[in-house]
Amino acid sequence: MRIYTQQHKYYCGVDLHARSIYVCILNQEGAVLVHKNLRAKPDAFLAVIAPFRYDVVVAVECIFDIHPKPYWQRYVNAWS
């Protein structure tokens, strides 16, 4: 297993639900920069992380989804 050791300027945690997502973005020092609920749409998420996107790591809560195209995949595809 490879261990990821790279440092980043910003860290984003996402709690993803069917109709809403909760986003928290911290800087390297641990200061909270963003702490908000959003509608569960890729454009809303991308707008919030836009200022940090050049050096951010995103962690998404583990989810279970039986939909043919899971919600998290929509975000990955929108980011690409």
Protein backbone atom coordinates (compact mmCIF):
# COMPACT_ATOMS: atom_id res chain seq x y z
CA MET A 1 0.00 0.00 0.00
CA ARG A 2 1.26 3.46 -0.89
CA ILE A 3 1.09 6.07 1.85
CA TYR A 4 0.13 9.59 0.85
CA THR A 5 2.44 12.15 2.50
CA GLN A 6 2.02 15.29 0.40
CA GLN A 7 1.01 18.46 2.26
CA HIS A 8 -1.62 20.81 0.87
CA LYS A 9 -2.63 24.38 1.55
CA TYR A 10 -6.33 23.51 2.06
CA TYR A 11 -8.32 20.50 3.26
CA CYS A 12 -12.00 19.97 2.50
CA GLY A 13 -14.37 17.57 4.19
CA VAL A 14 -17.74 16.78 2.63
CA ASP A 15 -20.76 15.12 4.25
CA LEU A 16 -22.82 14.10 1.24
CA HIS A 17 -26.58 13.48 1.38
CA ALA A 18 -29.25 13.07 -1.30
CA ARG A 19 -30.43 16.69 -1.22
CA SER A 20 -27.71 18.55 0.66
CA ILE A 21 -24.00 18.51 1.31
CA TYR A 22 -22.12 19.94 4.25
CA VAL A 23 -18.72 21.40 3.35
CA CYS A 24 -15.91 22.38 5.70
CA ILE A 25 -12.60 23.78 4.41
CA LEU A 26 -9.56 24.27 6.65
CA ASN A 27 -6.18 25.80 5.96
CA GLN A 28 -2.85 24.19 6.95
CA GLU A 29 -3.04 25.74 10.41
CA GLY A 30 -6.51 24.26 11.02
CA ALA A 31 -8.44 27.52 10.77
CA VAL A 32 -11.97 27.04 9.45
CA LEU A 33 -12.40 28.98 6.20
CA VAL A 34 -15.73 27.55 4.99
CA HIS A 35 -18.44 25.87 7.05
CA LYS A 36 -21.76 25.62 5.21
CA ASN A 37 -24.66 23.55 4.01
CA LEU A 38 -25.26 23.50 0.25
CA ARG A 39 -27.78 21.96 -2.07
CA ALA A 40 -26.49 18.69 -3.49
CA LYS A 41 -25.51 19.98 -6.92
CA PRO A 42 -22.02 19.93 -8.41
CA ASP A 43 -22.18 23.62 -9.37
CA ALA A 44 -22.83 24.66 -5.75
CA PHE A 45 -19.88 22.60 -4.51
CA LEU A 46 -17.54 23.82 -7.26
CA ALA A 47 -18.47 27.45 -6.54
CA VAL A 48 -17.59 27.08 -2.84
CA ILE A 49 -14.21 25.43 -3.45
CA ALA A 50 -13.26 27.61 -6.43
CA PRO A 51 -10.92 29.93 -4.45
CA PHE A 52 -9.09 26.90 -2.97
CA ARG A 53 -9.17 24.53 -5.92
CA TYR A 54 -5.54 24.97 -6.98
CA ASP A 55 -4.26 23.19 -3.83
CA VAL A 56 -7.05 21.37 -2.01
CA VAL A 57 -7.56 17.78 -0.92
CA VAL A 58 -11.18 16.64 -0.62
CA ALA A 59 -12.39 13.82 1.65
CA VAL A 60 -15.96 12.58 1.27
CA GLU A 61 -17.87 10.71 3.93
CA CYS A 62 -18.26 7.02 3.13
CA ILE A 63 -21.66 6.56 1.53
CA PHE A 64 -23.86 3.77 0.27
CA ASP A 65 -25.80 4.41 -2.92
CA ILE A 66 -27.55 1.89 -5.14
CA HIS A 67 -28.24 4.48 -7.83
CA PRO A 68 -26.58 3.50 -11.16
CA LYS A 69 -24.52 6.71 -11.06
CA PRO A 70 -23.71 7.56 -7.43
CA TYR A 71 -23.91 11.15 -6.20
CA TRP A 72 -20.18 11.33 -5.46
CA GLN A 73 -19.39 10.34 -9.05
CA ARG A 74 -21.30 13.39 -10.31
CA TYR A 75 -18.87 15.60 -8.37
CA VAL A 76 -15.82 13.81 -9.70
CA ASN A 77 -17.10 14.12 -13.27
CA ALA A 78 -17.94 17.82 -12.80
CA TRP A 79 -14.43 18.51 -11.47
CA SER A 80 -12.66 16.76 -14.36
